[in-house]
Amino acid sequence: MKISEQIKKQREMKHWSQQELADKLHISRQSISKWEQDVALPSFANIVAISDLFEISLDELIRGDEELMNKFKTIQKFTPVEKIVWVSLIMIVLIFAVLFVFNTNFQEMMP
């Protein structure tokens, strides 16, 4: 079940209006409407808050929504290995830059 359907179903089970849910989440009623119409997706922070409000697991709330799952997968830009590689490359470039500057300064001091 898509998260839009899940939000609407859970809200209606609690007999809350869109405005009541919006007030509990400290957001606009229009945001709730967009989520339920599948026009927009809630932020991760709002998904956690919705999960808490409806007393359902995050897994139950989002697992069936493939689009949302893909969105969360693309948020992570670098894998841990990629981070290590990038940090290593940056450190190597910085070390060579420092060595180049010191080597140039050293050669200027020599007669």
Protein backbone atom coordinates (compact mmCIF):
# COMPACT_ATOMS: atom_id res chain seq x y z
CA MET A 1 0.00 0.00 0.00
CA LYS A 2 1.35 3.40 -0.95
CA ILE A 3 2.15 5.81 1.85
CA SER A 4 -0.53 8.18 0.55
CA GLU A 5 -3.16 5.50 1.05
CA GLN A 6 -1.68 4.46 4.38
CA ILE A 7 -1.76 8.03 5.77
CA LYS A 8 -5.38 8.52 4.70
CA LYS A 9 -6.44 5.13 6.07
CA GLN A 10 -4.73 5.69 9.42
CA ARG A 11 -6.08 9.24 9.71
CA GLU A 12 -9.63 8.09 9.01
CA MET A 13 -9.29 5.22 11.50
CA LYS A 14 -8.54 7.85 14.17
CA HIS A 15 -11.49 9.96 12.92
CA TRP A 16 -9.17 12.93 12.38
CA SER A 17 -9.63 15.58 9.74
CA GLN A 18 -6.68 16.61 7.60
CA GLN A 19 -6.49 19.79 9.68
CA GLU A 20 -6.32 17.83 12.95
CA LEU A 21 -3.48 15.68 11.65
CA ALA A 22 -1.71 18.77 10.31
CA ASP A 23 -2.01 20.47 13.70
CA LYS A 24 -0.51 17.44 15.45
CA LEU A 25 2.43 17.45 13.00
CA HIS A 26 2.79 21.27 13.07
CA ILE A 27 2.41 21.55 9.30
CA SER A 28 -0.22 22.87 6.90
CA ARG A 29 -3.41 21.05 5.98
CA GLN A 30 -2.35 21.43 2.35
CA SER A 31 0.69 19.24 3.04
CA ILE A 32 -1.55 16.46 4.31
CA SER A 33 -3.78 16.86 1.26
CA LYS A 34 -0.79 16.64 -1.10
CA TRP A 35 0.48 13.50 0.65
CA GLU A 36 -2.91 11.82 0.50
CA GLN A 37 -3.38 12.74 -3.16
CA ASP A 38 0.09 11.36 -3.91
CA VAL A 39 1.24 14.75 -5.18
CA ALA A 40 4.10 15.05 -2.68
CA LEU A 41 5.96 12.82 -0.25
CA PRO A 42 6.45 13.60 3.43
CA SER A 43 9.97 14.23 4.71
CA PHE A 44 11.65 11.51 6.71
CA ALA A 45 11.11 13.51 9.91
CA ASN A 46 7.38 13.69 9.16
CA ILE A 47 7.27 9.97 8.37
CA VAL A 48 8.74 9.22 11.80
CA ALA A 49 6.23 11.58 13.44
CA ILE A 50 3.35 9.95 11.53
CA SER A 51 4.55 6.53 12.60
CA ASP A 52 4.57 7.66 16.23
CA LEU A 53 1.16 9.34 16.00
CA PHE A 54 -0.52 6.33 14.42
CA GLU A 55 1.44 3.90 16.60
CA ILE A 56 2.59 1.82 13.63
CA SER A 57 6.10 0.80 12.68
CA LEU A 58 8.06 2.68 10.04
CA ASP A 59 8.26 -0.59 8.18
CA GLU A 60 4.48 -0.92 8.08
CA LEU A 61 4.10 2.69 7.02
CA ILE A 62 6.57 2.82 4.14
CA ARG A 63 7.47 -0.71 3.05
CA GLY A 64 4.71 -0.94 0.43
CA ASP A 65 5.56 2.38 -1.22
CA GLU A 66 8.23 1.62 -3.81
CA GLU A 67 8.62 5.27 -4.88
CA LEU A 68 9.32 6.36 -1.32
CA MET A 69 11.72 3.49 -0.73
CA ASN A 70 13.64 4.51 -3.88
CA LYS A 71 13.74 8.11 -2.67
CA PHE A 72 15.38 7.04 0.59
CA LYS A 73 17.89 4.89 -1.28
CA THR A 74 19.00 7.83 -3.44
CA ILE A 75 19.42 10.12 -0.43
CA GLN A 76 22.60 8.27 0.53
CA LYS A 77 25.03 9.79 -1.95
CA PHE A 78 28.14 7.79 -1.09
CA THR A 79 28.63 4.31 0.27
CA PRO A 80 31.11 3.97 3.17
CA VAL A 81 33.78 2.66 0.78
CA GLU A 82 33.26 5.61 -1.57
CA LYS A 83 33.60 8.00 1.37
CA ILE A 84 36.92 6.41 2.35
CA VAL A 85 38.20 6.63 -1.23
CA TRP A 86 37.21 10.31 -1.56
CA VAL A 87 38.71 11.27 1.80
CA SER A 88 41.93 9.44 0.89
CA LEU A 89 42.16 11.21 -2.47
CA ILE A 90 41.59 14.60 -0.88
CA MET A 91 44.26 13.91 1.74
CA ILE A 92 46.75 12.84 -0.95
CA VAL A 93 46.11 16.02 -2.96
CA LEU A 94 46.54 18.15 0.17
CA ILE A 95 49.79 16.41 1.10
CA PHE A 96 51.21 16.96 -2.41
CA ALA A 97 50.12 20.60 -2.34
CA VAL A 98 51.86 21.16 1.01
CA LEU A 99 55.00 19.36 -0.17
CA PHE A 100 55.03 21.42 -3.38
CA VAL A 101 54.75 24.70 -1.46
CA PHE A 102 57.49 23.72 1.01
CA ASN A 103 59.73 22.44 -1.79
CA THR A 104 59.31 25.70 -3.71
CA ASN A 105 60.06 27.78 -0.60
CA PHE A 106 63.07 25.63 0.21
CA GLN A 107 64.54 25.99 -3.30
CA GLU A 108 64.10 29.79 -3.14
CA MET A 109 66.16 29.93 0.07
CA MET A 110 69.04 27.91 -1.40
CA PRO A 111 71.78 29.92 -3.27
